[in-house]
Amino acid sequence: MNKLRKRLGFFGGIILLGAAVLMTGCGTVPKDADSSSSSTQAAEETQTSPDYVLAADDFANLQLDDPTKPVYDKYTLSDRRAKGLTTALPDLTPYKEGKVVYLTFDDGPDDKNTPAILDILKENDVKATFYVTGAHAELHPEVLQRIYKEGNAIGNHSYDHDYKKLYVSPQTFLAEMERTDEIIHGIIGVRPLILRAPGGVIGHFTKAYGPALKESGYVEHDWNVSSADAAPNHPVAQDFIDNIDSQTDQPVAAHSAIILMHCSEGHEETVKALPKIIEILKAKGYTFGVITPMTPQPW
């Protein structure tokens, strides 16, 4: 996050590539939902979870070089404040070894496309990152638990994806993120340290957002490869395959490719495209990672 200001300034110089990548949007999600999880269940799920990194109280153990393990915090921000613990992440050096691709899926979980995507990932021995909304997590806690238990990473994507509420100020943005953290923590017993701004940071973040996110211990990642599976012209699976195939040949994705896709309702074509996308990426020599606070920024 300490590089966010530089990255935002750099966006101006890559406007053409940014326009191609940002031609997607994110769908809407239900506004009201009830959680069916309990604190006891969350504690039990944590004990049976797959390998992941659990942040130390002071975050001192987070300078890692493994892109395959999710990173979580056992405390919510309110817990940290109550205990007098730091909420701010230290400066972290991104790992840049190898040729790593990060499959990311926004706006879920739902009860149809997300499970289908999880099935494909499991069949191909691949992990991915799911940026979830609080509203969908409340609706489908069992799917969120499955994402977690199968070793995929979970990131925060706001409560209900409402730009008018989110981007009033850094404070309103962080309030949405903290609300969603509490929901996620209530379901799986940990909270993510990663988030994705709905719609991306371009056109939404001002210079004030970077320091505010750092102080609350969040790292934001956009993307440098877009499937365009949320484009308004209703593209189909082959379009997504072609988009990802061509964009991963570009220099910006040579060593680290963060791919934007969606897993919520209405994204059946993404499910259809995923096996071929994975095949192509493996043939290009990528290994598959999950987003963590140490993941290199996409630009």
Foldseek 3Di string as FASTA:
>chain_A
DVCVVVVLVCCVVVVVLVCVALLFADDWDDDDFAAPFAQVQQVVLQVLADDAAEADQASPPVQDQDQAHAYWYLDALVRCVVVVTAQFHDDYAAHQDFAAEAEEAEAADDDPQLVLVVVLCVVVVFAHEYAYALRRCRVCVVSLSVNGRVRHHYAHAFHTLDLVQQQPDLVSVVVRRSVSQVSSCRRNSTGAQEHEYRSGPVPRDDPVNVVSSRRNRHDYADFSFELSLRRPVNDALVSSLVRRLVSCVDPLNRRYGYYYHHRYPPRVRVSVNPVVNVVSCVVVPHGYGYDHNNHDHSD
